[in-house]
PDB file of all heavy atoms in Angstrom:
ATOM      1  N   THR A   1       0.835  -1.170  -0.021  1.00  0.00           N
ATOM      2  CA  THR A   1       0.033   0.056   0.025  1.00  0.00           C
ATOM      3  C   THR A   1       0.884   1.287  -0.010  1.00  0.00           C
ATOM      4  O   THR A   1       0.607   2.185  -0.740  1.00  0.00           O
ATOM      5  CB  THR A   1      -0.931  -0.027   1.181  1.00  0.00           C
ATOM      6  OG1 THR A   1      -1.763  -1.161   1.189  1.00  0.00           O
ATOM      7  CG2 THR A   1      -1.778   1.232   1.296  1.00  0.00           C
ATOM      8  N   LYS A   2       1.945   1.257   0.758  1.00  0.00           N
ATOM      9  CA  LYS A   2       2.808   2.374   0.783  1.00  0.00           C
ATOM     10  C   LYS A   2       3.507   2.688  -0.525  1.00  0.00           C
ATOM     11  O   LYS A   2       3.578   3.775  -0.917  1.00  0.00           O
ATOM     12  CB  LYS A   2       3.868   2.149   1.861  1.00  0.00           C
ATOM     13  CG  LYS A   2       4.771   3.327   2.145  1.00  0.00           C
ATOM     14  CD  LYS A   2       5.753   3.120   3.266  1.00  0.00           C
ATOM     15  CE  LYS A   2       6.583   4.338   3.618  1.00  0.00           C
ATOM     16  NZ  LYS A   2       7.356   4.115   4.737  1.00  0.00           N
ATOM     17  N   GLU A   3       3.885   1.649  -1.260  1.00  0.00           N
ATOM     18  CA  GLU A   3       4.485   1.762  -2.582  1.00  0.00           C
ATOM     19  C   GLU A   3       3.468   2.302  -3.523  1.00  0.00           C
ATOM     20  O   GLU A   3       3.831   3.093  -4.339  1.00  0.00           O
ATOM     21  CB  GLU A   3       5.065   0.436  -3.066  1.00  0.00           C
ATOM     22  CG  GLU A   3       6.285   0.038  -2.300  1.00  0.00           C
ATOM     23  CD  GLU A   3       6.662  -1.452  -2.641  1.00  0.00           C
ATOM     24  OE1 GLU A   3       5.790  -2.293  -2.812  1.00  0.00           O
ATOM     25  OE2 GLU A   3       7.861  -1.698  -2.482  1.00  0.00           O
ATOM     26  N   LEU A   4       2.288   1.892  -3.499  1.00  0.00           N
ATOM     27  CA  LEU A   4       1.263   2.336  -4.382  1.00  0.00           C
ATOM     28  C   LEU A   4       0.870   3.868  -4.033  1.00  0.00           C
ATOM     29  O   LEU A   4       0.711   4.621  -5.069  1.00  0.00           O
ATOM     30  CB  LEU A   4      -0.039   1.528  -4.227  1.00  0.00           C
ATOM     31  CG  LEU A   4       0.044   0.067  -4.857  1.00  0.00           C
ATOM     32  CD1 LEU A   4      -1.250  -0.670  -4.553  1.00  0.00           C
ATOM     33  CD2 LEU A   4       0.218   0.161  -6.343  1.00  0.00           C
ATOM     34  N   LEU A   5       0.871   4.212  -2.784  1.00  0.00           N
ATOM     35  CA  LEU A   5       0.696   5.583  -2.498  1.00  0.00           C
ATOM     36  C   LEU A   5       1.832   6.537  -2.969  1.00  0.00           C
ATOM     37  O   LEU A   5       1.600   7.684  -3.406  1.00  0.00           O
ATOM     38  CB  LEU A   5       0.572   5.805  -0.878  1.00  0.00           C
ATOM     39  CG  LEU A   5      -0.783   5.242  -0.326  1.00  0.00           C
ATOM     40  CD1 LEU A   5      -0.741   5.256   1.230  1.00  0.00           C
ATOM     41  CD2 LEU A   5      -2.020   6.061  -0.876  1.00  0.00           C
ATOM     42  N   TYR A   6       3.040   5.901  -2.937  1.00  0.00           N
ATOM     43  CA  TYR A   6       4.216   6.767  -3.421  1.00  0.00           C
ATOM     44  C   TYR A   6       3.988   6.928  -4.961  1.00  0.00           C
ATOM     45  O   TYR A   6       4.222   8.048  -5.449  1.00  0.00           O
ATOM     46  CB  TYR A   6       5.479   5.989  -3.155  1.00  0.00           C
ATOM     47  CG  TYR A   6       6.637   6.682  -3.871  1.00  0.00           C
ATOM     48  CD1 TYR A   6       7.208   7.852  -3.296  1.00  0.00           C
ATOM     49  CD2 TYR A   6       7.146   6.147  -5.020  1.00  0.00           C
ATOM     50  CE1 TYR A   6       8.235   8.451  -3.995  1.00  0.00           C
ATOM     51  CE2 TYR A   6       8.247   6.686  -5.650  1.00  0.00           C
ATOM     52  CZ  TYR A   6       8.753   7.944  -5.183  1.00  0.00           C
ATOM     53  OH  TYR A   6       9.832   8.534  -5.807  1.00  0.00           O
ATOM     54  N   ILE A   7       3.683   5.900  -5.619  1.00  0.00           N
ATOM     55  CA  ILE A   7       3.510   6.046  -7.086  1.00  0.00           C
ATOM     56  C   ILE A   7       2.354   6.902  -7.474  1.00  0.00           C
ATOM     57  O   ILE A   7       2.492   7.730  -8.361  1.00  0.00           O
ATOM     58  CB  ILE A   7       3.309   4.680  -7.730  1.00  0.00           C
ATOM     59  CG1 ILE A   7       4.535   3.830  -7.624  1.00  0.00           C
ATOM     60  CG2 ILE A   7       2.817   4.722  -9.211  1.00  0.00           C
ATOM     61  CD1 ILE A   7       4.524   2.404  -8.038  1.00  0.00           C
ATOM     62  N   GLU A   8       1.242   6.902  -6.712  1.00  0.00           N
ATOM     63  CA  GLU A   8       0.153   7.790  -6.933  1.00  0.00           C
ATOM     64  C   GLU A   8       0.598   9.212  -6.708  1.00  0.00           C
ATOM     65  O   GLU A   8       0.263  10.220  -7.441  1.00  0.00           O
ATOM     66  CB  GLU A   8      -0.955   7.503  -5.916  1.00  0.00           C
ATOM     67  CG  GLU A   8      -2.150   8.304  -6.085  1.00  0.00           C
ATOM     68  CD  GLU A   8      -3.261   7.984  -5.092  1.00  0.00           C
ATOM     69  OE1 GLU A   8      -3.587   6.744  -5.042  1.00  0.00           O
ATOM     70  OE2 GLU A   8      -3.782   8.823  -4.299  1.00  0.00           O
ATOM     71  N   ASP A   9       1.350   9.435  -5.620  1.00  0.00           N
ATOM     72  CA  ASP A   9       1.856  10.899  -5.371  1.00  0.00           C
ATOM     73  C   ASP A   9       2.731  11.377  -6.436  1.00  0.00           C
ATOM     74  O   ASP A   9       2.687  12.411  -6.933  1.00  0.00           O
ATOM     75  CB  ASP A   9       2.627  10.819  -3.953  1.00  0.00           C
ATOM     76  CG  ASP A   9       2.877  12.157  -3.468  1.00  0.00           C
ATOM     77  OD1 ASP A   9       2.049  13.104  -3.612  1.00  0.00           O
ATOM     78  OD2 ASP A   9       3.964  12.384  -2.859  1.00  0.00           O
ATOM     79  N   ALA A  10       3.707  10.454  -6.919  1.00  0.00           N
ATOM     80  CA  ALA A  10       4.664  10.742  -7.935  1.00  0.00           C
ATOM     81  C   ALA A  10       3.871  11.057  -9.218  1.00  0.00           C
ATOM     82  O   ALA A  10       4.192  11.964  -9.956  1.00  0.00           O
ATOM     83  CB  ALA A  10       5.622   9.666  -8.225  1.00  0.00           C
ATOM     84  N   LEU A  11       2.863  10.303  -9.540  1.00  0.00           N
ATOM     85  CA  LEU A  11       2.064  10.550 -10.781  1.00  0.00           C
ATOM     86  C   LEU A  11       1.387  12.030 -10.763  1.00  0.00           C
ATOM     87  O   LEU A  11       1.421  12.703 -11.686  1.00  0.00           O
ATOM     88  CB  LEU A  11       0.900   9.543 -10.924  1.00  0.00           C
ATOM     89  CG  LEU A  11       1.279   8.183 -11.485  1.00  0.00           C
ATOM     90  CD1 LEU A  11       0.103   7.236 -11.253  1.00  0.00           C
ATOM     91  CD2 LEU A  11       1.666   8.323 -12.987  1.00  0.00           C
ATOM     92  N   GLY A  12       0.850  12.333  -9.546  1.00  0.00           N
ATOM     93  CA  GLY A  12       0.325  13.651  -9.395  1.00  0.00           C
ATOM     94  C   GLY A  12       1.297  14.800  -9.555  1.00  0.00           C
ATOM     95  O   GLY A  12       0.985  15.701 -10.217  1.00  0.00           O
ATOM     96  N   HIS A  13       2.551  14.600  -9.035  1.00  0.00           N
ATOM     97  CA  HIS A  13       3.622  15.584  -9.223  1.00  0.00           C
ATOM     98  C   HIS A  13       3.942  15.703 -10.662  1.00  0.00           C
ATOM     99  O   HIS A  13       4.141  16.847 -11.205  1.00  0.00           O
ATOM    100  CB  HIS A  13       4.774  15.217  -8.349  1.00  0.00           C
ATOM    101  CG  HIS A  13       4.554  15.469  -6.905  1.00  0.00           C
ATOM    102  ND1 HIS A  13       4.744  14.455  -6.030  1.00  0.00           N
ATOM    103  CD2 HIS A  13       4.272  16.526  -6.227  1.00  0.00           C
ATOM    104  CE1 HIS A  13       4.469  14.996  -4.802  1.00  0.00           C
ATOM    105  NE2 HIS A  13       4.254  16.249  -4.911  1.00  0.00           N
ATOM    106  N   GLU A  14       4.137  14.612 -11.311  1.00  0.00           N
ATOM    107  CA  GLU A  14       4.565  14.666 -12.712  1.00  0.00           C
ATOM    108  C   GLU A  14       3.439  15.291 -13.586  1.00  0.00           C
ATOM    109  O   GLU A  14       3.812  16.048 -14.553  1.00  0.00           O
ATOM    110  CB  GLU A  14       4.912  13.281 -13.250  1.00  0.00           C
ATOM    111  CG  GLU A  14       6.219  12.761 -12.641  1.00  0.00           C
ATOM    112  CD  GLU A  14       7.420  13.668 -12.847  1.00  0.00           C
ATOM    113  OE1 GLU A  14       7.535  14.290 -13.917  1.00  0.00           O
ATOM    114  OE2 GLU A  14       8.237  13.730 -11.946  1.00  0.00           O
ATOM    115  N   LYS A  15       2.253  15.012 -13.316  1.00  0.00           N
ATOM    116  CA  LYS A  15       1.145  15.640 -14.089  1.00  0.00           C
ATOM    117  C   LYS A  15       1.079  17.112 -13.888  1.00  0.00           C
ATOM    118  O   LYS A  15       0.885  17.844 -14.825  1.00  0.00           O
ATOM    119  CB  LYS A  15      -0.143  14.995 -13.699  1.00  0.00           C
ATOM    120  CG  LYS A  15      -1.359  15.296 -14.601  1.00  0.00           C
ATOM    121  CD  LYS A  15      -0.910  14.695 -16.053  1.00  0.00           C
ATOM    122  CE  LYS A  15      -2.149  14.453 -16.791  1.00  0.00           C
ATOM    123  NZ  LYS A  15      -1.890  14.120 -18.185  1.00  0.00           N
ATOM    124  N   TYR A  16       1.353  17.552 -12.590  1.00  0.00           N
ATOM    125  CA  TYR A  16       1.307  18.937 -12.289  1.00  0.00           C
ATOM    126  C   TYR A  16       2.495  19.664 -13.014  1.00  0.00           C
ATOM    127  O   TYR A  16       2.287  20.680 -13.603  1.00  0.00           O
ATOM    128  CB  TYR A  16       1.481  19.150 -10.798  1.00  0.00           C
ATOM    129  CG  TYR A  16       1.697  20.602 -10.320  1.00  0.00           C
ATOM    130  CD1 TYR A  16       0.598  21.387 -10.163  1.00  0.00           C
ATOM    131  CD2 TYR A  16       2.980  21.049 -10.030  1.00  0.00           C
ATOM    132  CE1 TYR A  16       0.833  22.667  -9.829  1.00  0.00           C
ATOM    133  CE2 TYR A  16       3.218  22.324  -9.623  1.00  0.00           C
ATOM    134  CZ  TYR A  16       2.064  23.139  -9.586  1.00  0.00           C
ATOM    135  OH  TYR A  16       2.246  24.483  -9.218  1.00  0.00           O
ATOM    136  N   PHE A  17       3.688  19.054 -12.959  1.00  0.00           N
ATOM    137  CA  PHE A  17       4.862  19.704 -13.688  1.00  0.00           C
ATOM    138  C   PHE A  17       4.668  19.741 -15.130  1.00  0.00           C
ATOM    139  O   PHE A  17       4.919  20.797 -15.779  1.00  0.00           O
ATOM    140  CB  PHE A  17       6.140  18.898 -13.357  1.00  0.00           C
ATOM    141  CG  PHE A  17       6.591  18.868 -11.998  1.00  0.00           C
ATOM    142  CD1 PHE A  17       7.098  17.751 -11.426  1.00  0.00           C
ATOM    143  CD2 PHE A  17       6.535  20.042 -11.260  1.00  0.00           C
ATOM    144  CE1 PHE A  17       7.608  17.843 -10.101  1.00  0.00           C
ATOM    145  CE2 PHE A  17       6.957  20.108  -9.909  1.00  0.00           C
ATOM    146  CZ  PHE A  17       7.540  18.939  -9.332  1.00  0.00           C
ATOM    147  N   GLN A  18       3.964  18.806 -15.808  1.00  0.00           N
ATOM    148  CA  GLN A  18       3.743  18.779 -17.152  1.00  0.00           C
ATOM    149  C   GLN A  18       2.730  19.938 -17.495  1.00  0.00           C
ATOM    150  O   GLN A  18       2.833  20.637 -18.441  1.00  0.00           O
ATOM    151  CB  GLN A  18       3.149  17.438 -17.590  1.00  0.00           C
ATOM    152  CG  GLN A  18       2.869  17.322 -19.058  1.00  0.00           C
ATOM    153  CD  GLN A  18       2.249  16.030 -19.431  1.00  0.00           C
ATOM    154  OE1 GLN A  18       1.962  15.176 -18.588  1.00  0.00           O
ATOM    155  NE2 GLN A  18       1.924  15.810 -20.627  1.00  0.00           N
ATOM    156  N   THR A  19       1.596  19.951 -16.684  1.00  0.00           N
ATOM    157  CA  THR A  19       0.624  20.933 -16.925  1.00  0.00           C
ATOM    158  C   THR A  19       1.296  22.394 -16.798  1.00  0.00           C
ATOM    159  O   THR A  19       0.981  23.343 -17.615  1.00  0.00           O
ATOM    160  CB  THR A  19      -0.520  20.899 -15.878  1.00  0.00           C
ATOM    161  OG1 THR A  19      -1.067  19.623 -16.017  1.00  0.00           O
ATOM    162  CG2 THR A  19      -1.500  21.913 -16.045  1.00  0.00           C
ATOM    163  N   LYS A  20       2.087  22.666 -15.798  1.00  0.00           N
ATOM    164  CA  LYS A  20       2.715  23.926 -15.633  1.00  0.00           C
ATOM    165  C   LYS A  20       3.633  24.253 -16.769  1.00  0.00           C
ATOM    166  O   LYS A  20       3.659  25.401 -17.162  1.00  0.00           O
ATOM    167  CB  LYS A  20       3.421  24.003 -14.250  1.00  0.00           C
ATOM    168  CG  LYS A  20       2.507  24.153 -13.070  1.00  0.00           C
ATOM    169  CD  LYS A  20       1.698  25.393 -13.157  1.00  0.00           C
ATOM    170  CE  LYS A  20       0.586  25.424 -12.156  1.00  0.00           C
ATOM    171  NZ  LYS A  20      -0.334  26.565 -12.316  1.00  0.00           N
ATOM    172  N   CYS A  21       4.367  23.395 -17.142  1.00  0.00           N
ATOM    173  CA  CYS A  21       5.354  23.531 -18.308  1.00  0.00           C
ATOM    174  C   CYS A  21       4.520  23.927 -19.546  1.00  0.00           C
ATOM    175  O   CYS A  21       4.917  24.971 -20.220  1.00  0.00           O
ATOM    176  CB  CYS A  21       6.119  22.257 -18.691  1.00  0.00           C
ATOM    177  SG  CYS A  21       7.472  21.917 -17.544  1.00  0.00           S
ATOM    178  N   ASN A  22       3.432  23.243 -19.807  1.00  0.00           N
ATOM    179  CA  ASN A  22       2.522  23.613 -20.985  1.00  0.00           C
ATOM    180  C   ASN A  22       1.994  25.023 -20.789  1.00  0.00           C
ATOM    181  O   ASN A  22       1.820  25.753 -21.774  1.00  0.00           O
ATOM    182  CB  ASN A  22       1.448  22.597 -21.178  1.00  0.00           C
ATOM    183  CG  ASN A  22       2.034  21.233 -21.638  1.00  0.00           C
ATOM    184  OD1 ASN A  22       2.988  21.332 -22.490  1.00  0.00           O
ATOM    185  ND2 ASN A  22       1.465  20.179 -21.310  1.00  0.00           N
ATOM    186  N   GLU A  23       1.517  25.355 -19.571  1.00  0.00           N
ATOM    187  CA  GLU A  23       1.017  26.689 -19.379  1.00  0.00           C
ATOM    188  C   GLU A  23       1.997  27.843 -19.694  1.00  0.00           C
ATOM    189  O   GLU A  23       1.827  28.862 -20.349  1.00  0.00           O
ATOM    190  CB  GLU A  23       0.492  26.898 -17.925  1.00  0.00           C
ATOM    191  CG  GLU A  23      -0.796  26.055 -17.677  1.00  0.00           C
ATOM    192  CD  GLU A  23      -1.232  26.139 -16.206  1.00  0.00           C
ATOM    193  OE1 GLU A  23      -0.548  26.907 -15.418  1.00  0.00           O
ATOM    194  OE2 GLU A  23      -2.132  25.409 -15.821  1.00  0.00           O
ATOM    195  N   VAL A  24       3.289  27.600 -19.114  1.00  0.00           N
ATOM    196  CA  VAL A  24       4.270  28.567 -19.346  1.00  0.00           C
ATOM    197  C   VAL A  24       4.757  28.658 -20.843  1.00  0.00           C
ATOM    198  O   VAL A  24       5.025  29.694 -21.354  1.00  0.00           O
ATOM    199  CB  VAL A  24       5.486  28.266 -18.383  1.00  0.00           C
ATOM    200  CG1 VAL A  24       6.721  29.032 -18.735  1.00  0.00           C
ATOM    201  CG2 VAL A  24       5.126  28.411 -16.851  1.00  0.00           C
ATOM    202  N   MET A  25       4.800  27.428 -21.410  1.00  0.00           N
ATOM    203  CA  MET A  25       5.268  27.422 -22.724  1.00  0.00           C
ATOM    204  C   MET A  25       4.411  28.203 -23.690  1.00  0.00           C
ATOM    205  O   MET A  25       4.811  28.911 -24.594  1.00  0.00           O
ATOM    206  CB  MET A  25       5.184  26.007 -23.246  1.00  0.00           C
ATOM    207  CG  MET A  25       5.731  25.693 -24.635  1.00  0.00           C
ATOM    208  SD  MET A  25       5.809  23.999 -25.064  1.00  0.00           S
ATOM    209  CE  MET A  25       4.084  23.519 -24.926  1.00  0.00           C
ATOM    210  N   ASN A  26       3.062  28.284 -23.362  1.00  0.00           N
ATOM    211  CA  ASN A  26       2.144  29.071 -24.226  1.00  0.00           C
ATOM    212  C   ASN A  26       2.274  30.530 -23.961  1.00  0.00           C
ATOM    213  O   ASN A  26       1.715  31.278 -24.781  1.00  0.00           O
ATOM    214  CB  ASN A  26       0.678  28.524 -23.879  1.00  0.00           C
ATOM    215  CG  ASN A  26       0.365  27.232 -24.413  1.00  0.00           C
ATOM    216  OD1 ASN A  26       0.970  26.808 -25.466  1.00  0.00           O
ATOM    217  ND2 ASN A  26      -0.442  26.475 -23.702  1.00  0.00           N
ATOM    218  N   GLN A  27       2.959  30.977 -22.915  1.00  0.00           N
ATOM    219  CA  GLN A  27       3.134  32.328 -22.699  1.00  0.00           C
ATOM    220  C   GLN A  27       4.498  32.893 -23.088  1.00  0.00           C
ATOM    221  O   GLN A  27       4.723  34.175 -23.094  1.00  0.00           O
ATOM    222  CB  GLN A  27       2.989  32.557 -21.183  1.00  0.00           C
ATOM    223  CG  GLN A  27       1.625  32.266 -20.682  1.00  0.00           C
ATOM    224  CD  GLN A  27       1.504  32.340 -19.185  1.00  0.00           C
ATOM    225  OE1 GLN A  27       2.398  32.737 -18.475  1.00  0.00           O
ATOM    226  NE2 GLN A  27       0.346  31.983 -18.654  1.00  0.00           N
ATOM    227  N   ILE A  28       5.446  32.044 -23.501  1.00  0.00           N
ATOM    228  CA  ILE A  28       6.829  32.507 -23.735  1.00  0.00           C
ATOM    229  C   ILE A  28       6.926  32.920 -25.274  1.00  0.00           C
ATOM    230  O   ILE A  28       6.389  32.227 -26.090  1.00  0.00           O
ATOM    231  CB  ILE A  28       7.828  31.294 -23.456  1.00  0.00           C
ATOM    232  CG1 ILE A  28       7.744  30.986 -22.015  1.00  0.00           C
ATOM    233  CG2 ILE A  28       9.175  31.585 -24.002  1.00  0.00           C
ATOM    234  CD1 ILE A  28       8.643  29.744 -21.635  1.00  0.00           C
ATOM    235  N   GLN A  29       7.604  34.041 -25.499  1.00  0.00           N
ATOM    236  CA  GLN A  29       7.822  34.475 -26.840  1.00  0.00           C
ATOM    237  C   GLN A  29       9.108  34.059 -27.369  1.00  0.00           C
ATOM    238  O   GLN A  29       9.187  33.747 -28.594  1.00  0.00           O
ATOM    239  CB  GLN A  29       7.713  36.056 -26.803  1.00  0.00           C
ATOM    240  CG  GLN A  29       6.422  36.606 -26.311  1.00  0.00           C
ATOM    241  CD  GLN A  29       5.276  36.278 -27.160  1.00  0.00           C
ATOM    242  OE1 GLN A  29       5.373  36.320 -28.351  1.00  0.00           O
ATOM    243  NE2 GLN A  29       4.190  35.883 -26.488  1.00  0.00           N
ATOM    244  N   ASP A  30      10.127  33.927 -26.571  1.00  0.00           N
ATOM    245  CA  ASP A  30      11.400  33.519 -27.002  1.00  0.00           C
ATOM    246  C   ASP A  30      11.387  32.023 -27.460  1.00  0.00           C
ATOM    247  O   ASP A  30      11.116  31.100 -26.680  1.00  0.00           O
ATOM    248  CB  ASP A  30      12.497  33.688 -25.889  1.00  0.00           C
ATOM    249  CG  ASP A  30      13.862  33.344 -26.309  1.00  0.00           C
ATOM    250  OD1 ASP A  30      14.556  34.151 -26.877  1.00  0.00           O
ATOM    251  OD2 ASP A  30      14.243  32.113 -26.078  1.00  0.00           O
ATOM    252  N   GLN A  31      11.730  31.812 -28.724  1.00  0.00           N
ATOM    253  CA  GLN A  31      11.544  30.440 -29.263  1.00  0.00           C
ATOM    254  C   GLN A  31      12.522  29.420 -28.632  1.00  0.00           C
ATOM    255  O   GLN A  31      12.133  28.266 -28.399  1.00  0.00           O
ATOM    256  CB  GLN A  31      11.765  30.439 -30.788  1.00  0.00           C
ATOM    257  CG  GLN A  31      11.448  29.139 -31.500  1.00  0.00           C
ATOM    258  CD  GLN A  31       9.986  28.704 -31.157  1.00  0.00           C
ATOM    259  OE1 GLN A  31       9.060  29.525 -31.294  1.00  0.00           O
ATOM    260  NE2 GLN A  31       9.744  27.454 -30.903  1.00  0.00           N
ATOM    261  N   GLU A  32      13.774  29.908 -28.368  1.00  0.00           N
ATOM    262  CA  GLU A  32      14.729  28.869 -27.793  1.00  0.00           C
ATOM    263  C   GLU A  32      14.280  28.521 -26.321  1.00  0.00           C
ATOM    264  O   GLU A  32      14.282  27.303 -26.003  1.00  0.00           O
ATOM    265  CB  GLU A  32      16.089  29.648 -27.662  1.00  0.00           C
ATOM    266  CG  GLU A  32      17.207  28.692 -27.233  1.00  0.00           C
ATOM    267  CD  GLU A  32      18.573  29.355 -27.194  1.00  0.00           C
ATOM    268  OE1 GLU A  32      18.680  30.312 -27.973  1.00  0.00           O
ATOM    269  OE2 GLU A  32      19.533  28.810 -26.537  1.00  0.00           O
ATOM    270  N   LEU A  33      13.755  29.461 -25.533  1.00  0.00           N
ATOM    271  CA  LEU A  33      13.257  29.163 -24.220  1.00  0.00           C
ATOM    272  C   LEU A  33      12.027  28.273 -24.349  1.00  0.00           C
ATOM    273  O   LEU A  33      11.845  27.330 -23.509  1.00  0.00           O
ATOM    274  CB  LEU A  33      13.080  30.410 -23.435  1.00  0.00           C
ATOM    275  CG  LEU A  33      12.546  30.267 -22.004  1.00  0.00           C
ATOM    276  CD1 LEU A  33      13.603  29.509 -21.255  1.00  0.00           C
ATOM    277  CD2 LEU A  33      12.386  31.764 -21.394  1.00  0.00           C
ATOM    278  N   LYS A  34      11.200  28.595 -25.249  1.00  0.00           N
ATOM    279  CA  LYS A  34      10.011  27.829 -25.458  1.00  0.00           C
ATOM    280  C   LYS A  34      10.272  26.413 -25.769  1.00  0.00           C
ATOM    281  O   LYS A  34       9.625  25.524 -25.269  1.00  0.00           O
ATOM    282  CB  LYS A  34       9.209  28.482 -26.619  1.00  0.00           C
ATOM    283  CG  LYS A  34       7.703  28.031 -26.675  1.00  0.00           C
ATOM    284  CD  LYS A  34       6.996  28.876 -27.728  1.00  0.00           C
ATOM    285  CE  LYS A  34       5.493  28.572 -27.653  1.00  0.00           C
ATOM    286  NZ  LYS A  34       4.735  29.500 -28.304  1.00  0.00           N
ATOM    287  N   THR A  35      11.294  26.190 -26.603  1.00  0.00           N
ATOM    288  CA  THR A  35      11.674  24.840 -26.940  1.00  0.00           C
ATOM    289  C   THR A  35      12.246  24.108 -25.710  1.00  0.00           C
ATOM    290  O   THR A  35      11.812  22.866 -25.536  1.00  0.00           O
ATOM    291  CB  THR A  35      12.779  24.841 -27.981  1.00  0.00           C
ATOM    292  OG1 THR A  35      12.178  25.483 -29.179  1.00  0.00           O
ATOM    293  CG2 THR A  35      13.269  23.438 -28.457  1.00  0.00           C
ATOM    294  N   SER A  36      12.948  24.798 -24.894  1.00  0.00           N
ATOM    295  CA  SER A  36      13.498  24.098 -23.667  1.00  0.00           C
ATOM    296  C   SER A  36      12.355  23.734 -22.717  1.00  0.00           C
ATOM    297  O   SER A  36      12.394  22.620 -22.190  1.00  0.00           O
ATOM    298  CB  SER A  36      14.440  25.039 -22.949  1.00  0.00           C
ATOM    299  OG  SER A  36      15.576  25.290 -23.667  1.00  0.00           O
ATOM    300  N   VAL A  37      11.389  24.584 -22.582  1.00  0.00           N
ATOM    301  CA  VAL A  37      10.193  24.230 -21.686  1.00  0.00           C
ATOM    302  C   VAL A  37       9.412  23.071 -22.322  1.00  0.00           C
ATOM    303  O   VAL A  37       8.884  22.230 -21.565  1.00  0.00           O
ATOM    304  CB  VAL A  37       9.355  25.543 -21.450  1.00  0.00           C
ATOM    305  CG1 VAL A  37       8.054  25.156 -20.635  1.00  0.00           C
ATOM    306  CG2 VAL A  37      10.161  26.578 -20.714  1.00  0.00           C
ATOM    307  N   GLU A  38       9.269  23.109 -23.618  1.00  0.00           N
ATOM    308  CA  GLU A  38       8.513  22.011 -24.287  1.00  0.00           C
ATOM    309  C   GLU A  38       9.278  20.709 -24.017  1.00  0.00           C
ATOM    310  O   GLU A  38       8.652  19.647 -23.827  1.00  0.00           O
ATOM    311  CB  GLU A  38       8.515  22.304 -25.729  1.00  0.00           C
ATOM    312  CG  GLU A  38       7.729  21.274 -26.566  1.00  0.00           C
ATOM    313  CD  GLU A  38       7.559  21.645 -28.066  1.00  0.00           C
ATOM    314  OE1 GLU A  38       8.393  22.398 -28.538  1.00  0.00           O
ATOM    315  OE2 GLU A  38       6.673  21.044 -28.707  1.00  0.00           O
ATOM    316  N   GLN A  39      10.632  20.687 -24.109  1.00  0.00           N
ATOM    317  CA  GLN A  39      11.369  19.506 -23.837  1.00  0.00           C
ATOM    318  C   GLN A  39      11.118  19.049 -22.382  1.00  0.00           C
ATOM    319  O   GLN A  39      11.068  17.815 -22.091  1.00  0.00           O
ATOM    320  CB  GLN A  39      12.848  19.669 -24.105  1.00  0.00           C
ATOM    321  CG  GLN A  39      13.222  19.782 -25.571  1.00  0.00           C
ATOM    322  CD  GLN A  39      14.604  20.274 -25.816  1.00  0.00           C
ATOM    323  OE1 GLN A  39      15.342  20.699 -24.987  1.00  0.00           O
ATOM    324  NE2 GLN A  39      15.026  20.170 -27.087  1.00  0.00           N
ATOM    325  N   MET A  40      11.025  19.978 -21.476  1.00  0.00           N
ATOM    326  CA  MET A  40      10.798  19.599 -20.024  1.00  0.00           C
ATOM    327  C   MET A  40       9.442  18.990 -19.945  1.00  0.00           C
ATOM    328  O   MET A  40       9.226  17.945 -19.173  1.00  0.00           O
ATOM    329  CB  MET A  40      10.864  20.827 -19.146  1.00  0.00           C
ATOM    330  CG  MET A  40      12.292  21.257 -18.844  1.00  0.00           C
ATOM    331  SD  MET A  40      12.325  22.452 -17.477  1.00  0.00           S
ATOM    332  CE  MET A  40      11.815  23.918 -18.367  1.00  0.00           C
ATOM    333  N   ALA A  41       8.493  19.458 -20.597  1.00  0.00           N
ATOM    334  CA  ALA A  41       7.070  18.939 -20.523  1.00  0.00           C
ATOM    335  C   ALA A  41       7.079  17.525 -21.108  1.00  0.00           C
ATOM    336  O   ALA A  41       6.450  16.682 -20.571  1.00  0.00           O
ATOM    337  CB  ALA A  41       6.084  19.852 -21.391  1.00  0.00           C
ATOM    338  N   GLN A  42       7.767  17.324 -22.196  1.00  0.00           N
ATOM    339  CA  GLN A  42       7.900  16.014 -22.679  1.00  0.00           C
ATOM    340  C   GLN A  42       8.552  15.009 -21.783  1.00  0.00           C
ATOM    341  O   GLN A  42       8.212  13.861 -21.676  1.00  0.00           O
ATOM    342  CB  GLN A  42       8.627  15.996 -24.109  1.00  0.00           C
ATOM    343  CG  GLN A  42       7.855  16.713 -25.220  1.00  0.00           C
ATOM    344  CD  GLN A  42       8.664  16.953 -26.466  1.00  0.00           C
ATOM    345  OE1 GLN A  42       9.879  16.650 -26.521  1.00  0.00           O
ATOM    346  NE2 GLN A  42       8.020  17.389 -27.474  1.00  0.00           N
ATOM    347  N   LYS A  43       9.606  15.492 -21.114  1.00  0.00           N
ATOM    348  CA  LYS A  43      10.342  14.654 -20.179  1.00  0.00           C
ATOM    349  C   LYS A  43       9.438  14.241 -19.004  1.00  0.00           C
ATOM    350  O   LYS A  43       9.382  13.055 -18.628  1.00  0.00           O
ATOM    351  CB  LYS A  43      11.555  15.326 -19.600  1.00  0.00           C
ATOM    352  CG  LYS A  43      12.383  14.535 -18.767  1.00  0.00           C
ATOM    353  CD  LYS A  43      12.943  13.313 -19.417  1.00  0.00           C
ATOM    354  CE  LYS A  43      13.891  12.494 -18.631  1.00  0.00           C
ATOM    355  NZ  LYS A  43      14.345  11.301 -19.190  1.00  0.00           N
ATOM    356  N   HIS A  44       8.579  15.154 -18.540  1.00  0.00           N
ATOM    357  CA  HIS A  44       7.600  14.940 -17.422  1.00  0.00           C
ATOM    358  C   HIS A  44       6.591  13.934 -17.953  1.00  0.00           C
ATOM    359  O   HIS A  44       6.218  13.089 -17.167  1.00  0.00           O
ATOM    360  CB  HIS A  44       7.061  16.121 -16.871  1.00  0.00           C
ATOM    361  CG  HIS A  44       8.078  16.936 -15.991  1.00  0.00           C
ATOM    362  ND1 HIS A  44       8.547  16.397 -14.819  1.00  0.00           N
ATOM    363  CD2 HIS A  44       8.631  18.092 -16.187  1.00  0.00           C
ATOM    364  CE1 HIS A  44       9.359  17.314 -14.242  1.00  0.00           C
ATOM    365  NE2 HIS A  44       9.477  18.336 -15.062  1.00  0.00           N
TER     366      HIS A  44
END
């Protein structure tokens, strides 16, 4: 149960990071920075 709770927590964190990266990516004008944030979103 403890391991499953850890994975559930980790899933939530990764989904949050991915969502935030996508939100920020849509606001960035600099293409190089936008590409970096997009890569972070893909990694998450």
